[in-house]
Amino acid sequence: MDTIEFAREIRSRTLEMVYNAKASHIGGAFSMADILAVLYGSVLKIDPAEPKAADRDRFILSKGHACTSLYSTLAIKGFFDIDLLDTYSKDGSFFMAHTSHKVPGVELSTGSLGHAMPVACGMALAAKRKSEKQHIYVLVSDGELDEGSNWEAILFAAHHHLNNLTCIVDYNKIQSLGRVDDVIQLDPLKDKFVSFNWDVVEVDGHDHDQLLASFNNKTLTDKPRCIIAHTIKGKGVDFMQDDLKWHYQSPSADQYSAAQKQL
């Protein structure tokens, strides 16, 4: 399937998982669906038949609370039987409510915000020292950038010239308890990364052509790369879009049916 259809299928599967488990975080899962579709559909050097291949690219989802979109992505790609998604958030399931490394294709258990960027930096530094060619991608949330550990890692990456590292910011402008502008102001976000000596590009995080171009245009400098993807929380379902309540709210039966019809 093309990446547009891939993203639609990611959202549909995600909605089903969240509804069946009476879970949450669908807004943030939807905002990054297009990013995942382009990465897994056209960019990452990965093989579902060999999820631990030594030369694979590494992708880490730092905003692990939005794991449903990643689980859906991996299932559609064939890392495991798609029917296993039905066990999401049930007792004894590997498909936990925050991203678990027990799931094939998942590199790191995440959800404690501010931890994945430092790990990604370690992976990138190790790869460079061993002259390995894999690229390391880490997707962070905007609210997560309130965490100081991220900025320590951002400093570290530039100091060590980790040009095999790409950080994608899912900039949907809403975090758990309010709008990002009202909680802790991040803008001018691009200027901050530039001042930390990163190569930075801003894109529409729902425009697949822009996303693909930004991923394919690897930096020719010795700098790590940041892609600031401007997104909409709840993208794809009109009554969820840009609405804080869908950070935690689970859809009712009527809302589920209406959302699936839109998707």
C-alpha atoms as a PDB file:
ATOM      1  CA  MET A   1       0.000   0.000   0.000  1.00  0.00           C
ATOM      2  CA  ASP A   2       1.105   3.609  -0.444  1.00  0.00           C
ATOM      3  CA  THR A   3       1.886   5.721   2.602  1.00  0.00           C
ATOM      4  CA  ILE A   4      -1.462   7.574   2.520  1.00  0.00           C
ATOM      5  CA  GLU A   5      -3.367   4.293   2.762  1.00  0.00           C
ATOM      6  CA  PHE A   6      -0.814   3.070   5.316  1.00  0.00           C
ATOM      7  CA  ALA A   7      -1.546   6.069   7.567  1.00  0.00           C
ATOM      8  CA  ARG A   8      -5.301   5.548   7.209  1.00  0.00           C
ATOM      9  CA  GLU A   9      -4.921   1.907   8.226  1.00  0.00           C
ATOM     10  CA  ILE A  10      -2.706   2.879  11.185  1.00  0.00           C
ATOM     11  CA  ARG A  11      -5.388   5.250  12.454  1.00  0.00           C
ATOM     12  CA  SER A  12      -8.188   2.725  11.951  1.00  0.00           C
ATOM     13  CA  ARG A  13      -6.327  -0.025  13.820  1.00  0.00           C
ATOM     14  CA  THR A  14      -5.323   2.425  16.545  1.00  0.00           C
ATOM     15  CA  LEU A  15      -8.917   3.542  17.030  1.00  0.00           C
ATOM     16  CA  GLU A  16     -10.044  -0.070  17.335  1.00  0.00           C
ATOM     17  CA  MET A  17      -7.375  -0.862  19.932  1.00  0.00           C
ATOM     18  CA  VAL A  18      -8.086   2.210  22.057  1.00  0.00           C
ATOM     19  CA  TYR A  19     -11.853   1.649  21.906  1.00  0.00           C
ATOM     20  CA  ASN A  20     -11.711  -2.063  22.781  1.00  0.00           C
ATOM     21  CA  ALA A  21      -9.308  -1.497  25.696  1.00  0.00           C
ATOM     22  CA  LYS A  22     -11.136   1.654  26.895  1.00  0.00           C
ATOM     23  CA  ALA A  23      -7.679   3.209  26.774  1.00  0.00           C
ATOM     24  CA  SER A  24      -6.422   6.730  26.088  1.00  0.00           C
ATOM     25  CA  HIS A  25      -3.826   8.811  24.202  1.00  0.00           C
ATOM     26  CA  ILE A  26      -5.583   8.517  20.859  1.00  0.00           C
ATOM     27  CA  GLY A  27      -4.999  12.198  20.063  1.00  0.00           C
ATOM     28  CA  GLY A  28      -1.223  11.867  20.225  1.00  0.00           C
ATOM     29  CA  ALA A  29      -1.327   8.513  18.434  1.00  0.00           C
ATOM     30  CA  PHE A  30      -3.226  10.060  15.523  1.00  0.00           C
ATOM     31  CA  SER A  31      -0.960  13.107  15.275  1.00  0.00           C
ATOM     32  CA  MET A  32       2.082  10.946  14.482  1.00  0.00           C
ATOM     33  CA  ALA A  33       0.414   8.384  12.175  1.00  0.00           C
ATOM     34  CA  ASP A  34       1.596  10.084   8.985  1.00  0.00           C
ATOM     35  CA  ILE A  35       5.163  10.280  10.296  1.00  0.00           C
ATOM     36  CA  LEU A  36       5.136   6.557  11.060  1.00  0.00           C
ATOM     37  CA  ALA A  37       3.603   5.704   7.691  1.00  0.00           C
ATOM     38  CA  VAL A  38       6.329   7.545   5.782  1.00  0.00           C
ATOM     39  CA  LEU A  39       9.131   6.203   7.968  1.00  0.00           C
ATOM     40  CA  TYR A  40       8.019   2.566   7.846  1.00  0.00           C
ATOM     41  CA  GLY A  41       6.650   2.759   4.339  1.00  0.00           C
ATOM     42  CA  SER A  42       9.510   4.495   2.544  1.00  0.00           C
ATOM     43  CA  VAL A  43      12.497   5.313   4.755  1.00  0.00           C
ATOM     44  CA  LEU A  44      13.634   2.830   7.382  1.00  0.00           C
ATOM     45  CA  LYS A  45      16.056   0.073   6.453  1.00  0.00           C
ATOM     46  CA  ILE A  46      14.316  -2.755   8.300  1.00  0.00           C
ATOM     47  CA  ASP A  47      13.209  -6.332   7.671  1.00  0.00           C
ATOM     48  CA  PRO A  48      10.191  -7.732   9.562  1.00  0.00           C
ATOM     49  CA  ALA A  49      11.622 -11.232   9.017  1.00  0.00           C
ATOM     50  CA  GLU A  50      14.824 -10.191  10.824  1.00  0.00           C
ATOM     51  CA  PRO A  51      13.807  -7.574  13.402  1.00  0.00           C
ATOM     52  CA  LYS A  52      17.209  -7.771  15.118  1.00  0.00           C
ATOM     53  CA  ALA A  53      19.374  -7.575  11.978  1.00  0.00           C
ATOM     54  CA  ALA A  54      22.647  -5.920  12.948  1.00  0.00           C
ATOM     55  CA  ASP A  55      22.590  -3.376  10.127  1.00  0.00           C
ATOM     56  CA  ARG A  56      18.956  -2.277  10.606  1.00  0.00           C
ATOM     57  CA  ASP A  57      18.026   1.332  11.178  1.00  0.00           C
ATOM     58  CA  ARG A  58      16.822   2.007  14.702  1.00  0.00           C
ATOM     59  CA  PHE A  59      13.544   3.773  15.461  1.00  0.00           C
ATOM     60  CA  ILE A  60      12.640   4.733  19.023  1.00  0.00           C
ATOM     61  CA  LEU A  61       9.243   6.114  19.982  1.00  0.00           C
ATOM     62  CA  SER A  62       9.991   8.313  22.966  1.00  0.00           C
ATOM     63  CA  LYS A  63       6.343   9.307  23.509  1.00  0.00           C
ATOM     64  CA  GLY A  64       5.559   5.726  24.521  1.00  0.00           C
ATOM     65  CA  HIS A  65       2.073   6.565  25.788  1.00  0.00           C
ATOM     66  CA  ALA A  66       1.059   6.782  22.102  1.00  0.00           C
ATOM     67  CA  CYS A  67       2.183   3.197  21.515  1.00  0.00           C
ATOM     68  CA  THR A  68      -1.018   2.108  19.774  1.00  0.00           C
ATOM     69  CA  SER A  69       0.051   3.762  16.515  1.00  0.00           C
ATOM     70  CA  LEU A  70       3.456   2.092  16.633  1.00  0.00           C
ATOM     71  CA  TYR A  71       1.966  -1.325  17.417  1.00  0.00           C
ATOM     72  CA  SER A  72      -0.453  -0.872  14.520  1.00  0.00           C
ATOM     73  CA  THR A  73       2.386   0.156  12.210  1.00  0.00           C
ATOM     74  CA  LEU A  74       4.495  -2.876  13.099  1.00  0.00           C
ATOM     75  CA  ALA A  75       1.547  -5.243  12.672  1.00  0.00           C
ATOM     76  CA  ILE A  76       0.692  -3.850   9.235  1.00  0.00           C
ATOM     77  CA  LYS A  77       4.352  -4.180   8.222  1.00  0.00           C
ATOM     78  CA  GLY A  78       4.306  -7.855   9.208  1.00  0.00           C
ATOM     79  CA  PHE A  79       6.461  -7.918  12.327  1.00  0.00           C
ATOM     80  CA  PHE A  80       3.795 -10.087  13.988  1.00  0.00           C
ATOM     81  CA  ASP A  81       0.275 -11.413  13.396  1.00  0.00           C
ATOM     82  CA  ILE A  82      -2.085  -8.459  13.206  1.00  0.00           C
ATOM     83  CA  ASP A  83      -4.688 -10.345  15.280  1.00  0.00           C
ATOM     84  CA  LEU A  84      -2.389  -9.991  18.292  1.00  0.00           C
ATOM     85  CA  LEU A  85      -3.399  -6.342  18.471  1.00  0.00           C
ATOM     86  CA  ASP A  86      -6.658  -7.610  20.012  1.00  0.00           C
ATOM     87  CA  THR A  87      -4.705  -8.397  23.188  1.00  0.00           C
ATOM     88  CA  TYR A  88      -3.614  -4.773  23.665  1.00  0.00           C
ATOM     89  CA  SER A  89      -3.674  -3.687  27.309  1.00  0.00           C
ATOM     90  CA  LYS A  90      -5.023  -7.046  28.527  1.00  0.00           C
ATOM     91  CA  ASP A  91      -3.514  -8.986  31.418  1.00  0.00           C
ATOM     92  CA  GLY A  92      -0.472 -10.970  30.337  1.00  0.00           C
ATOM     93  CA  SER A  93      -0.164  -9.275  26.952  1.00  0.00           C
ATOM     94  CA  PHE A  94       3.157  -7.999  25.570  1.00  0.00           C
ATOM     95  CA  PHE A  95       1.155  -5.116  24.101  1.00  0.00           C
ATOM     96  CA  MET A  96       1.303  -2.896  27.138  1.00  0.00           C
ATOM     97  CA  ALA A  97      -0.184   0.582  27.422  1.00  0.00           C
ATOM     98  CA  HIS A  98       3.284   2.088  27.043  1.00  0.00           C
ATOM     99  CA  THR A  99       5.692   0.878  24.369  1.00  0.00           C
ATOM    100  CA  SER A 100       7.323  -2.438  25.332  1.00  0.00           C
ATOM    101  CA  HIS A 101      10.528  -3.886  23.900  1.00  0.00           C
ATOM    102  CA  LYS A 102       8.940  -7.339  24.202  1.00  0.00           C
ATOM    103  CA  VAL A 103       6.992  -6.545  21.017  1.00  0.00           C
ATOM    104  CA  PRO A 104       8.913  -7.538  17.840  1.00  0.00           C
ATOM    105  CA  GLY A 105      10.232  -4.427  16.110  1.00  0.00           C
ATOM    106  CA  VAL A 106      10.284  -2.266  19.239  1.00  0.00           C
ATOM    107  CA  GLU A 107      13.797  -1.181  20.183  1.00  0.00           C
ATOM    108  CA  LEU A 108      13.163   0.267  23.643  1.00  0.00           C
ATOM    109  CA  SER A 109      10.469   0.310  26.307  1.00  0.00           C
ATOM    110  CA  THR A 110       9.430   3.957  26.632  1.00  0.00           C
ATOM    111  CA  GLY A 111       6.943   6.253  28.262  1.00  0.00           C
ATOM    112  CA  SER A 112       9.089   7.754  31.003  1.00  0.00           C
ATOM    113  CA  LEU A 113       9.472  10.977  29.068  1.00  0.00           C
ATOM    114  CA  GLY A 114      12.943  12.364  28.507  1.00  0.00           C
ATOM    115  CA  HIS A 115      14.697   8.982  28.479  1.00  0.00           C
ATOM    116  CA  ALA A 116      14.708   7.949  24.838  1.00  0.00           C
ATOM    117  CA  MET A 117      16.775  10.823  23.425  1.00  0.00           C
ATOM    118  CA  PRO A 118      19.758   9.941  25.631  1.00  0.00           C
ATOM    119  CA  VAL A 119      19.489   6.267  24.629  1.00  0.00           C
ATOM    120  CA  ALA A 120      19.266   7.227  20.947  1.00  0.00           C
ATOM    121  CA  CYS A 121      22.413   9.318  21.371  1.00  0.00           C
ATOM    122  CA  GLY A 122      24.186   6.307  22.850  1.00  0.00           C
ATOM    123  CA  MET A 123      23.101   4.131  19.928  1.00  0.00           C
ATOM    124  CA  ALA A 124      24.283   6.725  17.420  1.00  0.00           C
ATOM    125  CA  LEU A 125      27.629   7.221  19.146  1.00  0.00           C
ATOM    126  CA  ALA A 126      28.217   3.450  19.332  1.00  0.00           C
ATOM    127  CA  ALA A 127      27.398   3.060  15.644  1.00  0.00           C
ATOM    128  CA  LYS A 128      29.847   5.805  14.660  1.00  0.00           C
ATOM    129  CA  ARG A 129      32.650   4.367  16.792  1.00  0.00           C
ATOM    130  CA  LYS A 130      32.109   0.939  15.219  1.00  0.00           C
ATOM    131  CA  SER A 131      31.872   2.470  11.701  1.00  0.00           C
ATOM    132  CA  GLU A 132      28.384   1.040  11.257  1.00  0.00           C
ATOM    133  CA  LYS A 133      26.006   2.605   8.758  1.00  0.00           C
ATOM    134  CA  GLN A 134      22.609   2.343  10.418  1.00  0.00           C
ATOM    135  CA  HIS A 135      20.683   5.541  11.107  1.00  0.00           C
ATOM    136  CA  ILE A 136      19.019   6.250  14.447  1.00  0.00           C
ATOM    137  CA  TYR A 137      15.600   7.939  14.526  1.00  0.00           C
ATOM    138  CA  VAL A 138      13.841   9.093  17.700  1.00  0.00           C
ATOM    139  CA  LEU A 139      10.339  10.583  17.800  1.00  0.00           C
ATOM    140  CA  VAL A 140       9.640  12.888  20.733  1.00  0.00           C
ATOM    141  CA  SER A 141       6.569  14.837  21.775  1.00  0.00           C
ATOM    142  CA  ASP A 142       6.512  18.593  22.154  1.00  0.00           C
ATOM    143  CA  GLY A 143       5.412  18.495  25.802  1.00  0.00           C
ATOM    144  CA  GLU A 144       8.224  16.058  26.482  1.00  0.00           C
ATOM    145  CA  LEU A 145      10.711  18.780  25.582  1.00  0.00           C
ATOM    146  CA  ASP A 146       9.939  20.290  28.994  1.00  0.00           C
ATOM    147  CA  GLU A 147      12.278  17.588  30.314  1.00  0.00           C
ATOM    148  CA  GLY A 148      15.839  18.804  30.875  1.00  0.00           C
ATOM    149  CA  SER A 149      17.304  15.387  30.064  1.00  0.00           C
ATOM    150  CA  ASN A 150      16.325  15.942  26.428  1.00  0.00           C
ATOM    151  CA  TRP A 151      18.335  19.149  26.220  1.00  0.00           C
ATOM    152  CA  GLU A 152      21.365  17.492  27.814  1.00  0.00           C
ATOM    153  CA  ALA A 153      21.139  14.822  25.123  1.00  0.00           C
ATOM    154  CA  ILE A 154      20.683  17.465  22.405  1.00  0.00           C
ATOM    155  CA  LEU A 155      23.890  19.126  23.576  1.00  0.00           C
ATOM    156  CA  PHE A 156      25.664  15.753  23.685  1.00  0.00           C
ATOM    157  CA  ALA A 157      24.595  14.834  20.138  1.00  0.00           C
ATOM    158  CA  ALA A 158      25.982  18.037  18.648  1.00  0.00           C
ATOM    159  CA  HIS A 159      29.216  17.796  20.627  1.00  0.00           C
ATOM    160  CA  HIS A 160      29.841  14.281  19.309  1.00  0.00           C
ATOM    161  CA  HIS A 161      28.832  15.158  15.719  1.00  0.00           C
ATOM    162  CA  LEU A 162      26.100  12.511  15.606  1.00  0.00           C
ATOM    163  CA  ASN A 163      25.011  13.073  12.009  1.00  0.00           C
ATOM    164  CA  ASN A 164      23.608   9.522  12.020  1.00  0.00           C
ATOM    165  CA  LEU A 165      20.871  10.699  14.411  1.00  0.00           C
ATOM    166  CA  THR A 166      17.520  12.249  13.482  1.00  0.00           C
ATOM    167  CA  CYS A 167      15.111  13.616  16.078  1.00  0.00           C
ATOM    168  CA  ILE A 168      11.509  14.112  14.962  1.00  0.00           C
ATOM    169  CA  VAL A 169       9.354  16.406  17.087  1.00  0.00           C
ATOM    170  CA  ASP A 170       5.620  15.656  16.934  1.00  0.00           C
ATOM    171  CA  TYR A 171       4.659  19.294  17.401  1.00  0.00           C
ATOM    172  CA  ASN A 172       0.894  19.051  17.907  1.00  0.00           C
ATOM    173  CA  LYS A 173       0.884  21.968  20.392  1.00  0.00           C
ATOM    174  CA  ILE A 174      -1.067  20.118  23.126  1.00  0.00           C
ATOM    175  CA  GLN A 175       0.308  18.178  26.094  1.00  0.00           C
ATOM    176  CA  SER A 176      -1.411  16.294  28.891  1.00  0.00           C
ATOM    177  CA  LEU A 177      -2.782  19.196  30.926  1.00  0.00           C
ATOM    178  CA  GLY A 178      -3.021  22.059  28.446  1.00  0.00           C
ATOM    179  CA  ARG A 179      -1.695  23.740  25.351  1.00  0.00           C
ATOM    180  CA  VAL A 180       2.083  23.791  25.102  1.00  0.00           C
ATOM    181  CA  ASP A 181       2.091  27.593  24.892  1.00  0.00           C
ATOM    182  CA  ASP A 182       0.283  27.764  28.240  1.00  0.00           C
ATOM    183  CA  VAL A 183       2.311  25.116  30.104  1.00  0.00           C
ATOM    184  CA  ILE A 184       5.899  25.909  29.056  1.00  0.00           C
ATOM    185  CA  GLN A 185       6.530  27.984  25.942  1.00  0.00           C
ATOM    186  CA  LEU A 186       8.779  26.167  23.435  1.00  0.00           C
ATOM    187  CA  ASP A 187       8.873  28.654  20.572  1.00  0.00           C
ATOM    188  CA  PRO A 188      11.028  29.596  18.827  1.00  0.00           C
ATOM    189  CA  LEU A 189      11.747  25.860  18.803  1.00  0.00           C
ATOM    190  CA  LYS A 190      13.760  25.820  15.582  1.00  0.00           C
ATOM    191  CA  ASP A 191      16.042  28.552  16.893  1.00  0.00           C
ATOM    192  CA  LYS A 192      16.674  26.552  20.052  1.00  0.00           C
ATOM    193  CA  PHE A 193      17.842  23.480  18.119  1.00  0.00           C
ATOM    194  CA  VAL A 194      19.919  25.659  15.786  1.00  0.00           C
ATOM    195  CA  SER A 195      21.576  27.319  18.778  1.00  0.00           C
ATOM    196  CA  PHE A 196      22.433  23.825  20.069  1.00  0.00           C
ATOM    197  CA  ASN A 197      24.228  23.273  16.748  1.00  0.00           C
ATOM    198  CA  TRP A 198      21.722  20.977  15.036  1.00  0.00           C
ATOM    199  CA  ASP A 199      20.660  20.918  11.393  1.00  0.00           C
ATOM    200  CA  VAL A 200      16.929  21.741  11.513  1.00  0.00           C
ATOM    201  CA  VAL A 201      14.001  21.633   9.096  1.00  0.00           C
ATOM    202  CA  GLU A 202      10.313  22.386   9.718  1.00  0.00           C
ATOM    203  CA  VAL A 203       7.593  20.493   7.824  1.00  0.00           C
ATOM    204  CA  ASP A 204       3.873  19.858   7.765  1.00  0.00           C
ATOM    205  CA  GLY A 205       3.758  16.581   9.677  1.00  0.00           C
ATOM    206  CA  HIS A 206       0.749  15.391   7.673  1.00  0.00           C
ATOM    207  CA  ASP A 207       2.208  16.136   4.224  1.00  0.00           C
ATOM    208  CA  HIS A 208       3.825  12.910   3.054  1.00  0.00           C
ATOM    209  CA  ASP A 209       5.856  14.549   0.316  1.00  0.00           C
ATOM    210  CA  GLN A 210       7.372  17.028   2.766  1.00  0.00           C
ATOM    211  CA  LEU A 211       8.067  14.288   5.288  1.00  0.00           C
ATOM    212  CA  LEU A 212       9.719  12.022   2.728  1.00  0.00           C
ATOM    213  CA  ALA A 213      11.889  14.853   1.397  1.00  0.00           C
ATOM    214  CA  SER A 214      13.007  15.784   4.900  1.00  0.00           C
ATOM    215  CA  PHE A 215      13.968  12.180   5.713  1.00  0.00           C
ATOM    216  CA  ASN A 216      15.754  11.599   2.419  1.00  0.00           C
ATOM    217  CA  ASN A 217      17.678  14.862   2.583  1.00  0.00           C
ATOM    218  CA  LYS A 218      20.262  13.607   5.065  1.00  0.00           C
ATOM    219  CA  THR A 219      22.564  16.271   6.448  1.00  0.00           C
ATOM    220  CA  LEU A 220      25.859  16.647   4.600  1.00  0.00           C
ATOM    221  CA  THR A 221      27.372  18.270   7.668  1.00  0.00           C
ATOM    222  CA  ASP A 222      28.615  16.637  10.858  1.00  0.00           C
ATOM    223  CA  LYS A 223      25.499  17.813  12.730  1.00  0.00           C
ATOM    224  CA  PRO A 224      22.595  15.745  14.044  1.00  0.00           C
ATOM    225  CA  ARG A 225      19.289  16.523  12.323  1.00  0.00           C
ATOM    226  CA  CYS A 226      15.976  17.673  13.805  1.00  0.00           C
ATOM    227  CA  ILE A 227      12.703  17.511  11.870  1.00  0.00           C
ATOM    228  CA  ILE A 228      10.064  19.680  13.520  1.00  0.00           C
ATOM    229  CA  ALA A 229       6.802  18.187  12.262  1.00  0.00           C
ATOM    230  CA  HIS A 230       3.857  20.529  12.780  1.00  0.00           C
ATOM    231  CA  THR A 231       0.904  18.249  13.451  1.00  0.00           C
ATOM    232  CA  ILE A 232      -2.666  18.283  14.736  1.00  0.00           C
ATOM    233  CA  LYS A 233      -3.653  16.291  17.779  1.00  0.00           C
ATOM    234  CA  GLY A 234      -6.383  13.828  16.811  1.00  0.00           C
ATOM    235  CA  LYS A 235      -5.696  14.286  13.081  1.00  0.00           C
ATOM    236  CA  GLY A 236      -8.104  12.332  10.890  1.00  0.00           C
ATOM    237  CA  VAL A 237     -11.284  12.592  12.972  1.00  0.00           C
ATOM    238  CA  ASP A 238     -12.918  16.025  12.992  1.00  0.00           C
ATOM    239  CA  PHE A 239     -14.333  15.928  16.529  1.00  0.00           C
ATOM    240  CA  MET A 240     -10.970  14.857  17.980  1.00  0.00           C
ATOM    241  CA  GLN A 241      -8.764  17.345  16.169  1.00  0.00           C
ATOM    242  CA  ASP A 242      -6.907  19.938  18.256  1.00  0.00           C
ATOM    243  CA  ASP A 243      -8.930  19.052  21.362  1.00  0.00           C
ATOM    244  CA  LEU A 244      -7.148  18.570  24.697  1.00  0.00           C
ATOM    245  CA  LYS A 245      -9.676  16.050  26.037  1.00  0.00           C
ATOM    246  CA  TRP A 246      -8.508  13.427  23.515  1.00  0.00           C
ATOM    247  CA  HIS A 247      -5.178  13.179  25.267  1.00  0.00           C
ATOM    248  CA  TYR A 248      -6.921  10.937  27.811  1.00  0.00           C
ATOM    249  CA  GLN A 249     -10.515  10.323  26.703  1.00  0.00           C
ATOM    250  CA  SER A 250     -11.634   6.992  25.268  1.00  0.00           C
ATOM    251  CA  PRO A 251     -14.314   7.042  22.550  1.00  0.00           C
ATOM    252  CA  SER A 252     -17.864   5.915  23.259  1.00  0.00           C
ATOM    253  CA  ALA A 253     -19.586   3.394  20.989  1.00  0.00           C
ATOM    254  CA  ASP A 254     -21.185   6.180  18.943  1.00  0.00           C
ATOM    255  CA  GLN A 255     -17.918   8.111  18.724  1.00  0.00           C
ATOM    256  CA  TYR A 256     -16.082   4.965  17.662  1.00  0.00           C
ATOM    257  CA  SER A 257     -18.541   4.294  14.840  1.00  0.00           C
ATOM    258  CA  ALA A 258     -18.446   7.911  13.670  1.00  0.00           C
ATOM    259  CA  ALA A 259     -14.654   7.985  13.727  1.00  0.00           C
ATOM    260  CA  GLN A 260     -14.305   4.731  11.784  1.00  0.00           C
ATOM    261  CA  LYS A 261     -16.678   6.075   9.142  1.00  0.00           C
ATOM    262  CA  GLN A 262     -14.498   9.173   8.740  1.00  0.00           C
ATOM    263  CA  LEU A 263     -11.351   7.073   8.496  1.00  0.00           C
END
